[in-house]
C-alpha atoms as a PDB file:
ATOM      1  CA  MET A   1     -19.155 -10.361  -3.098  1.00  0.00           C
ATOM      2  CA  LYS A   2     -20.271  -7.076  -4.665  1.00  0.00           C
ATOM      3  CA  VAL A   3     -18.836  -3.869  -3.276  1.00  0.00           C
ATOM      4  CA  GLU A   4     -21.133  -0.866  -3.383  1.00  0.00           C
ATOM      5  CA  GLN A   5     -19.327   2.334  -4.224  1.00  0.00           C
ATOM      6  CA  ARG A   6     -20.366   5.916  -4.675  1.00  0.00           C
ATOM      7  CA  PRO A   7     -22.035   6.684  -8.019  1.00  0.00           C
ATOM      8  CA  ALA A   8     -19.380   9.332  -8.620  1.00  0.00           C
ATOM      9  CA  THR A   9     -16.717   6.626  -8.894  1.00  0.00           C
ATOM     10  CA  GLU A  10     -18.512   4.619 -11.577  1.00  0.00           C
ATOM     11  CA  ARG A  11     -16.121   5.629 -14.341  1.00  0.00           C
ATOM     12  CA  LYS A  12     -16.092   4.440 -17.937  1.00  0.00           C
ATOM     13  CA  GLN A  13     -13.752   1.496 -17.642  1.00  0.00           C
ATOM     14  CA  LYS A  14     -14.073   0.360 -21.261  1.00  0.00           C
ATOM     15  CA  ASP A  15     -11.770   3.134 -22.468  1.00  0.00           C
ATOM     16  CA  ALA A  16      -9.144   2.279 -19.849  1.00  0.00           C
ATOM     17  CA  LEU A  17      -9.203  -1.367 -20.876  1.00  0.00           C
ATOM     18  CA  LYS A  18      -7.972  -0.450 -24.363  1.00  0.00           C
ATOM     19  CA  ASP A  19      -4.494   0.523 -23.156  1.00  0.00           C
ATOM     20  CA  ARG A  20      -2.577  -2.759 -23.118  1.00  0.00           C
ATOM     21  CA  ASP A  21       0.709  -1.346 -21.817  1.00  0.00           C
ATOM     22  CA  ALA A  22      -0.941   0.383 -18.876  1.00  0.00           C
ATOM     23  CA  LEU A  23      -2.921  -2.706 -17.937  1.00  0.00           C
ATOM     24  CA  LEU A  24       0.096  -4.953 -18.337  1.00  0.00           C
ATOM     25  CA  HIS A  25       2.037  -2.736 -15.932  1.00  0.00           C
ATOM     26  CA  LEU A  26      -0.746  -2.973 -13.354  1.00  0.00           C
ATOM     27  CA  TYR A  27      -0.934  -6.739 -13.798  1.00  0.00           C
ATOM     28  CA  ARG A  28       2.805  -7.283 -13.422  1.00  0.00           C
ATOM     29  CA  GLU A  29       3.005  -5.044 -10.354  1.00  0.00           C
ATOM     30  CA  MET A  30       0.160  -6.864  -8.608  1.00  0.00           C
ATOM     31  CA  LEU A  31       1.638 -10.255  -9.432  1.00  0.00           C
ATOM     32  CA  LEU A  32       5.074  -9.147  -8.208  1.00  0.00           C
ATOM     33  CA  ILE A  33       3.613  -8.124  -4.859  1.00  0.00           C
ATOM     34  CA  ARG A  34       1.643 -11.386  -4.593  1.00  0.00           C
ATOM     35  CA  ARG A  35       4.652 -13.594  -5.326  1.00  0.00           C
ATOM     36  CA  PHE A  36       6.910 -11.484  -3.111  1.00  0.00           C
ATOM     37  CA  GLU A  37       4.541 -11.823  -0.165  1.00  0.00           C
ATOM     38  CA  GLU A  38       4.068 -15.552  -0.688  1.00  0.00           C
ATOM     39  CA  LYS A  39       7.842 -15.978  -0.637  1.00  0.00           C
ATOM     40  CA  THR A  40       8.057 -13.726   2.419  1.00  0.00           C
ATOM     41  CA  ALA A  41       5.679 -16.042   4.280  1.00  0.00           C
ATOM     42  CA  GLU A  42       7.852 -18.998   3.280  1.00  0.00           C
ATOM     43  CA  MET A  43      11.034 -17.281   4.464  1.00  0.00           C
ATOM     44  CA  TYR A  44       9.387 -16.274   7.740  1.00  0.00           C
ATOM     45  CA  GLN A  45       8.459 -19.897   8.410  1.00  0.00           C
ATOM     46  CA  MET A  46      12.079 -20.842   7.735  1.00  0.00           C
ATOM     47  CA  ALA A  47      13.176 -18.292  10.380  1.00  0.00           C
ATOM     48  CA  LYS A  48      15.005 -16.203   7.770  1.00  0.00           C
ATOM     49  CA  ILE A  49      12.789 -13.274   8.809  1.00  0.00           C
ATOM     50  CA  GLY A  50      12.222 -12.298  12.434  1.00  0.00           C
ATOM     51  CA  GLY A  51       9.924  -9.985  14.346  1.00  0.00           C
ATOM     52  CA  PHE A  52       6.408  -9.097  13.300  1.00  0.00           C
ATOM     53  CA  CYS A  53       5.440  -9.555   9.659  1.00  0.00           C
ATOM     54  CA  HIS A  54       2.209  -8.387   7.993  1.00  0.00           C
ATOM     55  CA  LEU A  55       1.388  -9.457   4.431  1.00  0.00           C
ATOM     56  CA  ASN A  56      -0.428  -7.642   1.604  1.00  0.00           C
ATOM     57  CA  ILE A  57      -1.859 -10.786  -0.030  1.00  0.00           C
ATOM     58  CA  GLY A  58      -5.339  -9.961  -1.350  1.00  0.00           C
ATOM     59  CA  GLU A  59      -4.878  -6.178  -1.269  1.00  0.00           C
ATOM     60  CA  GLU A  60      -2.789  -5.831  -4.432  1.00  0.00           C
ATOM     61  CA  ALA A  61      -5.353  -3.910  -6.494  1.00  0.00           C
ATOM     62  CA  ALA A  62      -5.796  -1.265  -3.804  1.00  0.00           C
ATOM     63  CA  ILE A  63      -2.020  -0.865  -3.486  1.00  0.00           C
ATOM     64  CA  VAL A  64      -1.088  -0.754  -7.162  1.00  0.00           C
ATOM     65  CA  GLY A  65      -4.185   1.160  -8.254  1.00  0.00           C
ATOM     66  CA  THR A  66      -3.442   4.030  -5.865  1.00  0.00           C
ATOM     67  CA  ILE A  67       0.342   4.305  -5.884  1.00  0.00           C
ATOM     68  CA  SER A  68       0.635   3.934  -9.679  1.00  0.00           C
ATOM     69  CA  ALA A  69      -1.243   7.235 -10.024  1.00  0.00           C
ATOM     70  CA  LEU A  70       1.642   9.121  -8.411  1.00  0.00           C
ATOM     71  CA  ARG A  71       4.755  10.701  -9.899  1.00  0.00           C
ATOM     72  CA  PRO A  72       8.256   9.685  -8.747  1.00  0.00           C
ATOM     73  CA  LYS A  73       8.625  12.866  -6.658  1.00  0.00           C
ATOM     74  CA  ASP A  74       5.331  12.399  -4.841  1.00  0.00           C
ATOM     75  CA  TYR A  75       5.415  11.110  -1.260  1.00  0.00           C
ATOM     76  CA  VAL A  76       3.966   7.965   0.271  1.00  0.00           C
ATOM     77  CA  TYR A  77       3.493   7.386   4.002  1.00  0.00           C
ATOM     78  CA  SER A  78       2.300   3.913   4.903  1.00  0.00           C
ATOM     79  CA  ASN A  79       1.804   1.602   7.876  1.00  0.00           C
ATOM     80  CA  TYR A  80       3.263  -1.682   9.091  1.00  0.00           C
ATOM     81  CA  ARG A  81       1.680  -3.702   6.216  1.00  0.00           C
ATOM     82  CA  GLU A  82       3.844  -1.975   3.648  1.00  0.00           C
ATOM     83  CA  HIS A  83       6.017  -4.411   1.675  1.00  0.00           C
ATOM     84  CA  GLY A  84       3.790  -4.071  -1.395  1.00  0.00           C
ATOM     85  CA  HIS A  85       3.512  -0.301  -0.986  1.00  0.00           C
ATOM     86  CA  ALA A  86       7.295   0.089  -1.103  1.00  0.00           C
ATOM     87  CA  ILE A  87       7.583  -2.121  -4.182  1.00  0.00           C
ATOM     88  CA  ALA A  88       4.758  -0.260  -5.938  1.00  0.00           C
ATOM     89  CA  LYS A  89       6.575   3.035  -5.225  1.00  0.00           C
ATOM     90  CA  GLY A  90       9.610   1.710  -7.053  1.00  0.00           C
ATOM     91  CA  VAL A  91      11.793   0.363  -4.246  1.00  0.00           C
ATOM     92  CA  ASP A  92      13.885  -2.587  -5.466  1.00  0.00           C
ATOM     93  CA  PRO A  93      12.393  -5.887  -4.222  1.00  0.00           C
ATOM     94  CA  LYS A  94      15.952  -6.990  -3.446  1.00  0.00           C
ATOM     95  CA  ALA A  95      16.362  -4.138  -0.967  1.00  0.00           C
ATOM     96  CA  VAL A  96      12.959  -4.871   0.561  1.00  0.00           C
ATOM     97  CA  MET A  97      13.735  -8.560   1.025  1.00  0.00           C
ATOM     98  CA  ALA A  98      17.177  -7.745   2.418  1.00  0.00           C
ATOM     99  CA  GLU A  99      15.555  -5.479   4.993  1.00  0.00           C
ATOM    100  CA  LEU A 100      13.207  -8.281   6.001  1.00  0.00           C
ATOM    101  CA  PHE A 101      16.280 -10.476   6.436  1.00  0.00           C
ATOM    102  CA  GLY A 102      17.887  -7.779   8.612  1.00  0.00           C
ATOM    103  CA  LYS A 103      20.794  -7.301   6.203  1.00  0.00           C
ATOM    104  CA  GLU A 104      23.009  -4.279   5.618  1.00  0.00           C
ATOM    105  CA  THR A 105      21.776  -3.983   2.012  1.00  0.00           C
ATOM    106  CA  GLY A 106      18.177  -3.483   3.155  1.00  0.00           C
ATOM    107  CA  THR A 107      16.230  -0.258   2.806  1.00  0.00           C
ATOM    108  CA  SER A 108      17.092   0.702   6.394  1.00  0.00           C
ATOM    109  CA  HIS A 109      20.382  -1.237   6.554  1.00  0.00           C
ATOM    110  CA  GLY A 110      18.648  -4.029   8.430  1.00  0.00           C
ATOM    111  CA  ARG A 111      17.647  -1.772  11.343  1.00  0.00           C
ATOM    112  CA  GLY A 112      13.962  -1.470  10.558  1.00  0.00           C
ATOM    113  CA  GLY A 113      12.732  -4.860   9.430  1.00  0.00           C
ATOM    114  CA  SER A 114       9.273  -5.592   8.103  1.00  0.00           C
ATOM    115  CA  MET A 115       7.443  -2.693   9.726  1.00  0.00           C
ATOM    116  CA  HIS A 116       9.963   0.065   9.037  1.00  0.00           C
ATOM    117  CA  LEU A 117      10.805   0.136   5.339  1.00  0.00           C
ATOM    118  CA  PHE A 118      12.085   3.513   4.139  1.00  0.00           C
ATOM    119  CA  SER A 119      13.529   4.992   0.959  1.00  0.00           C
ATOM    120  CA  GLN A 120      14.270   8.681   0.678  1.00  0.00           C
ATOM    121  CA  GLU A 121      15.294   8.169  -2.948  1.00  0.00           C
ATOM    122  CA  HIS A 122      11.781   6.961  -3.824  1.00  0.00           C
ATOM    123  CA  ARG A 123      10.103   9.287  -1.335  1.00  0.00           C
ATOM    124  CA  PHE A 124       8.673   6.292   0.460  1.00  0.00           C
ATOM    125  CA  TYR A 125       8.612   7.486   4.067  1.00  0.00           C
ATOM    126  CA  GLY A 126       7.635   4.332   5.994  1.00  0.00           C
ATOM    127  CA  GLY A 127       6.658   1.888   7.466  1.00  0.00           C
ATOM    128  CA  TYR A 128       5.252   2.724  10.996  1.00  0.00           C
ATOM    129  CA  ALA A 129       4.428   0.205  13.707  1.00  0.00           C
ATOM    130  CA  ILE A 130       1.968   2.393  15.611  1.00  0.00           C
ATOM    131  CA  VAL A 131      -1.562   2.554  14.179  1.00  0.00           C
ATOM    132  CA  GLY A 132      -2.113   5.911  12.468  1.00  0.00           C
ATOM    133  CA  GLU A 133       1.334   7.177  13.405  1.00  0.00           C
ATOM    134  CA  ALA A 134       2.160   8.451   9.923  1.00  0.00           C
ATOM    135  CA  LEU A 135      -1.024  10.471   9.399  1.00  0.00           C
ATOM    136  CA  PRO A 136       0.231  13.705  11.047  1.00  0.00           C
ATOM    137  CA  LEU A 137       3.613  13.285   9.346  1.00  0.00           C
ATOM    138  CA  ALA A 138       1.940  13.114   5.943  1.00  0.00           C
ATOM    139  CA  VAL A 139       0.089  16.314   6.774  1.00  0.00           C
ATOM    140  CA  GLY A 140       3.414  17.911   7.677  1.00  0.00           C
ATOM    141  CA  SER A 141       4.820  17.021   4.276  1.00  0.00           C
ATOM    142  CA  GLY A 142       1.723  18.492   2.663  1.00  0.00           C
ATOM    143  CA  TYR A 143       2.324  21.727   4.565  1.00  0.00           C
ATOM    144  CA  ALA A 144       5.963  21.775   3.415  1.00  0.00           C
ATOM    145  CA  ILE A 145       4.869  21.386  -0.213  1.00  0.00           C
ATOM    146  CA  ASN A 146       2.524  24.366   0.084  1.00  0.00           C
ATOM    147  CA  TYR A 147       5.103  26.431   1.959  1.00  0.00           C
ATOM    148  CA  GLN A 148       7.704  25.824  -0.755  1.00  0.00           C
ATOM    149  CA  GLU A 149       5.130  26.289  -3.531  1.00  0.00           C
ATOM    150  CA  ARG A 150       5.766  22.907  -5.153  1.00  0.00           C
ATOM    151  CA  ASP A 151       3.316  20.724  -7.095  1.00  0.00           C
ATOM    152  CA  GLU A 152       3.940  17.397  -5.363  1.00  0.00           C
ATOM    153  CA  VAL A 153       1.302  15.211  -3.719  1.00  0.00           C
ATOM    154  CA  VAL A 154       1.354  13.235  -0.491  1.00  0.00           C
ATOM    155  CA  MET A 155      -0.416   9.888  -0.214  1.00  0.00           C
ATOM    156  CA  SER A 156      -1.128   8.646   3.295  1.00  0.00           C
ATOM    157  CA  ILE A 157      -2.062   4.944   3.432  1.00  0.00           C
ATOM    158  CA  PHE A 158      -3.611   3.327   6.516  1.00  0.00           C
ATOM    159  CA  GLY A 159      -6.052   0.654   7.601  1.00  0.00           C
ATOM    160  CA  ASP A 160      -9.686   0.938   8.649  1.00  0.00           C
ATOM    161  CA  GLY A 161      -8.716   0.697  12.322  1.00  0.00           C
ATOM    162  CA  ALA A 162      -6.750   3.940  12.109  1.00  0.00           C
ATOM    163  CA  THR A 163      -9.900   5.910  11.263  1.00  0.00           C
ATOM    164  CA  ASN A 164     -11.125   5.583  14.845  1.00  0.00           C
ATOM    165  CA  ILE A 165      -8.198   7.323  16.526  1.00  0.00           C
ATOM    166  CA  GLY A 166      -7.660  10.994  17.260  1.00  0.00           C
ATOM    167  CA  ALA A 167      -4.717  11.467  14.897  1.00  0.00           C
ATOM    168  CA  PHE A 168      -6.923  10.548  11.922  1.00  0.00           C
ATOM    169  CA  HIS A 169      -9.498  13.240  12.675  1.00  0.00           C
ATOM    170  CA  GLU A 170      -6.882  15.832  13.592  1.00  0.00           C
ATOM    171  CA  SER A 171      -5.004  15.155  10.362  1.00  0.00           C
ATOM    172  CA  LEU A 172      -8.077  15.421   8.128  1.00  0.00           C
ATOM    173  CA  ASN A 173      -9.156  18.593   9.888  1.00  0.00           C
ATOM    174  CA  VAL A 174      -5.802  20.336   9.441  1.00  0.00           C
ATOM    175  CA  ALA A 175      -5.386  19.100   5.858  1.00  0.00           C
ATOM    176  CA  LYS A 176      -8.709  20.647   4.874  1.00  0.00           C
ATOM    177  CA  LEU A 177      -8.247  23.767   6.984  1.00  0.00           C
ATOM    178  CA  TRP A 178      -4.920  24.531   5.329  1.00  0.00           C
ATOM    179  CA  HIS A 179      -5.802  23.141   1.878  1.00  0.00           C
ATOM    180  CA  LEU A 180      -2.998  20.602   1.763  1.00  0.00           C
ATOM    181  CA  PRO A 181      -2.279  18.287  -1.221  1.00  0.00           C
ATOM    182  CA  VAL A 182      -2.843  15.044   0.682  1.00  0.00           C
ATOM    183  CA  VAL A 183      -4.751  11.994  -0.555  1.00  0.00           C
ATOM    184  CA  PHE A 184      -5.750   9.912   2.458  1.00  0.00           C
ATOM    185  CA  VAL A 185      -6.153   6.258   1.414  1.00  0.00           C
ATOM    186  CA  CYS A 186      -7.933   3.836   3.728  1.00  0.00           C
ATOM    187  CA  ILE A 187      -7.244   0.202   2.863  1.00  0.00           C
ATOM    188  CA  ASN A 188     -10.438  -1.213   4.352  1.00  0.00           C
ATOM    189  CA  ASN A 189      -9.701  -4.931   4.560  1.00  0.00           C
ATOM    190  CA  GLN A 190     -12.685  -5.478   6.874  1.00  0.00           C
ATOM    191  CA  TYR A 191     -10.678  -6.145  10.050  1.00  0.00           C
ATOM    192  CA  GLY A 192      -8.530  -4.201  12.493  1.00  0.00           C
ATOM    193  CA  MET A 193      -6.437  -7.107  13.729  1.00  0.00           C
ATOM    194  CA  GLY A 194      -9.232  -9.542  14.680  1.00  0.00           C
ATOM    195  CA  THR A 195     -12.034  -6.995  15.086  1.00  0.00           C
ATOM    196  CA  SER A 196     -14.449  -6.394  12.220  1.00  0.00           C
ATOM    197  CA  VAL A 197     -15.209  -2.861  11.076  1.00  0.00           C
ATOM    198  CA  GLY A 198     -18.799  -3.183  12.256  1.00  0.00           C
ATOM    199  CA  ARG A 199     -17.678  -3.834  15.825  1.00  0.00           C
ATOM    200  CA  ALA A 200     -15.152  -1.009  15.927  1.00  0.00           C
ATOM    201  CA  SER A 201     -16.656   1.906  14.007  1.00  0.00           C
ATOM    202  CA  SER A 202     -20.117   3.450  14.277  1.00  0.00           C
ATOM    203  CA  VAL A 203     -19.653   4.528  10.634  1.00  0.00           C
ATOM    204  CA  THR A 204     -18.773   1.450   8.599  1.00  0.00           C
ATOM    205  CA  GLU A 205     -18.520   3.247   5.248  1.00  0.00           C
ATOM    206  CA  ILE A 206     -15.228   4.969   5.927  1.00  0.00           C
ATOM    207  CA  TRP A 207     -15.489   7.501   3.093  1.00  0.00           C
ATOM    208  CA  ARG A 208     -18.387   9.168   4.932  1.00  0.00           C
ATOM    209  CA  LYS A 209     -15.984  10.320   7.641  1.00  0.00           C
ATOM    210  CA  ALA A 210     -14.686  12.909   5.162  1.00  0.00           C
ATOM    211  CA  CYS A 211     -18.022  14.727   5.406  1.00  0.00           C
ATOM    212  CA  ALA A 212     -17.179  16.019   8.891  1.00  0.00           C
ATOM    213  CA  TYR A 213     -14.370  18.063   7.341  1.00  0.00           C
ATOM    214  CA  ASP A 214     -16.121  19.180   4.151  1.00  0.00           C
ATOM    215  CA  MET A 215     -13.625  17.036   2.257  1.00  0.00           C
ATOM    216  CA  THR A 216     -14.044  14.971  -0.903  1.00  0.00           C
ATOM    217  CA  GLY A 217     -14.799  11.374   0.043  1.00  0.00           C
ATOM    218  CA  GLU A 218     -14.832   8.441  -2.373  1.00  0.00           C
ATOM    219  CA  ARG A 219     -15.420   4.706  -2.036  1.00  0.00           C
ATOM    220  CA  VAL A 220     -14.125   2.237  -4.586  1.00  0.00           C
ATOM    221  CA  ASP A 221     -14.022  -1.505  -5.123  1.00  0.00           C
ATOM    222  CA  GLY A 222     -10.538  -2.300  -3.874  1.00  0.00           C
ATOM    223  CA  MET A 223     -10.506  -5.611  -5.753  1.00  0.00           C
ATOM    224  CA  ASP A 224     -10.713  -3.824  -9.124  1.00  0.00           C
ATOM    225  CA  VAL A 225      -7.358  -2.245  -9.975  1.00  0.00           C
ATOM    226  CA  VAL A 226      -8.741  -0.271 -12.930  1.00  0.00           C
ATOM    227  CA  ALA A 227     -11.513   1.284 -10.838  1.00  0.00           C
ATOM    228  CA  VAL A 228      -9.032   2.153  -8.098  1.00  0.00           C
ATOM    229  CA  ARG A 229      -6.623   3.745 -10.557  1.00  0.00           C
ATOM    230  CA  GLN A 230      -9.331   5.814 -12.219  1.00  0.00           C
ATOM    231  CA  VAL A 231     -10.680   7.378  -9.053  1.00  0.00           C
ATOM    232  CA  THR A 232      -7.168   7.880  -7.651  1.00  0.00           C
ATOM    233  CA  ASP A 233      -6.126   9.740 -10.804  1.00  0.00           C
ATOM    234  CA  GLU A 234      -8.895  12.252 -10.141  1.00  0.00           C
ATOM    235  CA  LEU A 235      -8.090  12.694  -6.462  1.00  0.00           C
ATOM    236  CA  VAL A 236      -4.374  13.093  -7.149  1.00  0.00           C
ATOM    237  CA  ALA A 237      -5.133  15.703  -9.811  1.00  0.00           C
ATOM    238  CA  GLN A 238      -7.357  17.543  -7.337  1.00  0.00           C
ATOM    239  CA  ALA A 239      -4.562  17.559  -4.763  1.00  0.00           C
ATOM    240  CA  ARG A 240      -1.904  18.647  -7.262  1.00  0.00           C
ATOM    241  CA  GLU A 241      -3.888  21.329  -9.092  1.00  0.00           C
ATOM    242  CA  GLN A 242      -6.269  22.629  -6.437  1.00  0.00           C
ATOM    243  CA  HIS A 243      -4.345  21.769  -3.258  1.00  0.00           C
ATOM    244  CA  GLU A 244      -7.417  20.100  -1.809  1.00  0.00           C
ATOM    245  CA  PRO A 245      -7.230  16.896   0.282  1.00  0.00           C
ATOM    246  CA  SER A 246      -9.493  13.870  -0.061  1.00  0.00           C
ATOM    247  CA  LEU A 247     -10.320  10.554   1.576  1.00  0.00           C
ATOM    248  CA  LEU A 248     -10.458   7.395  -0.523  1.00  0.00           C
ATOM    249  CA  GLU A 249     -11.797   4.141   0.892  1.00  0.00           C
ATOM    250  CA  CYS A 250     -10.643   1.023  -0.962  1.00  0.00           C
ATOM    251  CA  VAL A 251     -12.837  -1.897   0.069  1.00  0.00           C
ATOM    252  CA  THR A 252     -10.664  -4.987  -0.103  1.00  0.00           C
ATOM    253  CA  TYR A 253      -9.695  -8.085   1.862  1.00  0.00           C
ATOM    254  CA  ARG A 254      -6.554  -9.713   3.231  1.00  0.00           C
ATOM    255  CA  TYR A 255      -6.406 -13.438   2.600  1.00  0.00           C
ATOM    256  CA  ARG A 256      -4.040 -14.126   5.506  1.00  0.00           C
ATOM    257  CA  GLY A 257      -4.324 -13.285   9.187  1.00  0.00           C
ATOM    258  CA  HIS A 258      -3.390  -9.915  10.634  1.00  0.00           C
ATOM    259  CA  SER A 259       0.229 -11.043  10.899  1.00  0.00           C
ATOM    260  CA  MET A 260       2.223 -14.229  10.479  1.00  0.00           C
ATOM    261  CA  SER A 261       1.578 -15.021  14.153  1.00  0.00           C
ATOM    262  CA  ASP A 262      -2.193 -14.641  13.824  1.00  0.00           C
ATOM    263  CA  PRO A 263      -4.073 -17.996  13.956  1.00  0.00           C
ATOM    264  CA  ASP A 264      -6.941 -16.276  12.088  1.00  0.00           C
ATOM    265  CA  THR A 265      -9.762 -18.015  13.966  1.00  0.00           C
ATOM    266  CA  TYR A 266     -12.154 -15.047  13.903  1.00  0.00           C
ATOM    267  CA  ARG A 267     -13.145 -15.494  10.215  1.00  0.00           C
ATOM    268  CA  GLY A 268     -14.914 -18.325   8.501  1.00  0.00           C
ATOM    269  CA  LYS A 269     -13.284 -20.159   5.614  1.00  0.00           C
ATOM    270  CA  ASP A 270     -16.345 -19.498   3.460  1.00  0.00           C
ATOM    271  CA  GLU A 271     -15.879 -15.759   3.901  1.00  0.00           C
ATOM    272  CA  ILE A 272     -12.287 -15.940   2.719  1.00  0.00           C
ATOM    273  CA  LYS A 273     -13.205 -18.131  -0.269  1.00  0.00           C
ATOM    274  CA  GLN A 274     -15.990 -15.737  -1.237  1.00  0.00           C
ATOM    275  CA  TRP A 275     -13.542 -12.833  -1.489  1.00  0.00           C
ATOM    276  CA  GLN A 276     -11.011 -14.973  -3.337  1.00  0.00           C
ATOM    277  CA  THR A 277     -13.528 -15.550  -6.111  1.00  0.00           C
ATOM    278  CA  ARG A 278     -13.016 -11.868  -6.951  1.00  0.00           C
ATOM    279  CA  ASP A 279      -9.225 -12.030  -6.862  1.00  0.00           C
ATOM    280  CA  SER A 280      -7.853  -8.872  -8.469  1.00  0.00           C
ATOM    281  CA  ILE A 281      -4.976 -10.534 -10.324  1.00  0.00           C
ATOM    282  CA  LEU A 282      -7.040 -13.360 -11.781  1.00  0.00           C
ATOM    283  CA  SER A 283      -9.814 -10.927 -12.719  1.00  0.00           C
ATOM    284  CA  LEU A 284      -7.517  -8.581 -14.611  1.00  0.00           C
ATOM    285  CA  GLY A 285      -5.835 -11.514 -16.351  1.00  0.00           C
ATOM    286  CA  GLU A 286      -9.214 -12.786 -17.522  1.00  0.00           C
ATOM    287  CA  GLN A 287     -10.241  -9.318 -18.729  1.00  0.00           C
ATOM    288  CA  MET A 288      -7.054  -8.974 -20.737  1.00  0.00           C
ATOM    289  CA  LYS A 289      -7.525 -12.423 -22.264  1.00  0.00           C
ATOM    290  CA  LYS A 290     -11.068 -11.505 -23.305  1.00  0.00           C
ATOM    291  CA  GLN A 291      -9.732  -8.289 -24.869  1.00  0.00           C
ATOM    292  CA  LYS A 292      -7.099 -10.428 -26.641  1.00  0.00           C
ATOM    293  CA  MET A 293      -4.308  -8.482 -24.930  1.00  0.00           C
ATOM    294  CA  LEU A 294      -2.840 -11.597 -23.323  1.00  0.00           C
ATOM    295  CA  THR A 295      -2.920 -15.317 -23.906  1.00  0.00           C
ATOM    296  CA  ALA A 296      -2.739 -18.080 -21.329  1.00  0.00           C
ATOM    297  CA  GLU A 297       0.849 -18.644 -22.466  1.00  0.00           C
ATOM    298  CA  ASP A 298       1.659 -14.955 -21.893  1.00  0.00           C
ATOM    299  CA  ILE A 299       0.302 -15.153 -18.359  1.00  0.00           C
ATOM    300  CA  GLU A 300       2.341 -18.256 -17.602  1.00  0.00           C
ATOM    301  CA  LYS A 301       5.483 -16.606 -18.959  1.00  0.00           C
ATOM    302  CA  ILE A 302       4.919 -13.477 -16.879  1.00  0.00           C
ATOM    303  CA  ASP A 303       4.420 -15.611 -13.779  1.00  0.00           C
ATOM    304  CA  GLN A 304       7.700 -17.420 -14.451  1.00  0.00           C
ATOM    305  CA  GLU A 305       9.541 -14.106 -14.902  1.00  0.00           C
ATOM    306  CA  ILE A 306       8.091 -12.639 -11.706  1.00  0.00           C
ATOM    307  CA  THR A 307       8.821 -15.813  -9.755  1.00  0.00           C
ATOM    308  CA  ALA A 308      12.437 -15.731 -10.938  1.00  0.00           C
ATOM    309  CA  GLN A 309      12.687 -12.058  -9.914  1.00  0.00           C
ATOM    310  CA  VAL A 310      11.484 -12.881  -6.404  1.00  0.00           C
ATOM    311  CA  GLU A 311      13.862 -15.836  -6.144  1.00  0.00           C
ATOM    312  CA  GLU A 312      16.690 -13.489  -7.105  1.00  0.00           C
ATOM    313  CA  ALA A 313      15.616 -11.115  -4.330  1.00  0.00           C
ATOM    314  CA  VAL A 314      15.805 -13.945  -1.806  1.00  0.00           C
ATOM    315  CA  LYS A 315      19.243 -14.975  -3.083  1.00  0.00           C
ATOM    316  CA  PHE A 316      20.439 -11.377  -2.828  1.00  0.00           C
ATOM    317  CA  ALA A 317      19.128 -11.042   0.732  1.00  0.00           C
ATOM    318  CA  ASP A 318      20.538 -14.382   1.822  1.00  0.00           C
ATOM    319  CA  GLU A 319      24.005 -13.573   0.498  1.00  0.00           C
ATOM    320  CA  SER A 320      24.081  -9.974   1.754  1.00  0.00           C
ATOM    321  CA  PRO A 321      26.275  -9.117   4.767  1.00  0.00           C
ATOM    322  CA  GLU A 322      24.976  -8.771   8.276  1.00  0.00           C
ATOM    323  CA  PRO A 323      25.245  -5.277   9.805  1.00  0.00           C
ATOM    324  CA  ASP A 324      28.637  -4.691  11.415  1.00  0.00           C
ATOM    325  CA  PRO A 325      28.394  -4.652  15.248  1.00  0.00           C
ATOM    326  CA  LYS A 326      30.612  -1.556  15.324  1.00  0.00           C
ATOM    327  CA  ASP A 327      27.757   0.349  13.680  1.00  0.00           C
ATOM    328  CA  LEU A 328      25.316  -0.542  16.460  1.00  0.00           C
ATOM    329  CA  TYR A 329      24.870   3.058  17.558  1.00  0.00           C
ATOM    330  CA  ARG A 330      25.079   4.627  14.115  1.00  0.00           C
ATOM    331  CA  ASP A 331      22.111   6.863  13.270  1.00  0.00           C
ATOM    332  CA  VAL A 332      20.671   6.584  16.785  1.00  0.00           C
ATOM    333  CA  TYR A 333      21.108  10.331  17.228  1.00  0.00           C
ATOM    334  CA  ALA A 334      21.487  13.009  14.584  1.00  0.00           C
ATOM    335  CA  GLU A 335      25.001  14.375  14.459  1.00  0.00           C
ATOM    336  CA  SER A 336      25.303  18.121  15.022  1.00  0.00           C
ATOM    337  CA  GLU A 337      28.224  20.412  14.331  1.00  0.00           C
ATOM    338  CA  ALA A 338      29.524  22.904  16.880  1.00  0.00           C
ATOM    339  CA  ARG A 339      28.547  26.465  16.020  1.00  0.00           C
END
């Protein structure tokens, strides 16, 4: 399936493909997210993980291609499908898995679970269960950056369904009005739960919604990690240097249902298989083999290393302590000192 993107995003990819180390990093990160999510599904089915659980399988190029363009001090606000986003931002997979297990060693000490990952250290600010909830918060961080005259960037990641709610339009309007360094990233995986984009939005090319706010809008093939990284580099630079926001639409696909409890009866198997023929991890691996950057043996070795890393994360989570009942009310309210 070919994804049409704006002519402006048709960058010269041949130069980018010459940097083996950069491509290898992208490849390993995508594979780590894929194997992590596959193991997460397995653990969920074993009842090691409770609550709602939404997987990133299929969306790895959009995740890694965007977040890898950021600096450590830049901010990321995400949604409930955020395991891969947290890992791409540098959060230890062990801490992510432990949070899914509800353990004290998790990113939120087991209080948040799958939909509420958080790491102040990595400036990964969630993890939100409500559709579009983080959009205004990302704008607030952008305002704080301007107010304090810093050069950081905020990336706000959300699904296509969020672009039809009021908070999306309010956030884009304010970001442009106040010239905030926010890169809005729409992970357009074709479905908002079980509803296709065409049935939910009168404008199916999400990037066009930026036009209403005189904002830069780009559309990129979200199954091509190099293309995503190239256009994101430009939008991040625009935010950092010019303090101008933008909207990036990554056209991608989730291979699994909306959540682990979704029977996924609204899509045909042929549709899923068609997207899988353009799998981002397999495609990059093949490109690197053609460029003689990797061999089949290298790819197998990397897979074994990543698989072992994920198994170690599961072992860590399984052996971690449960939260102490005496801490049940800890962090429910902010403590204040008498003045």
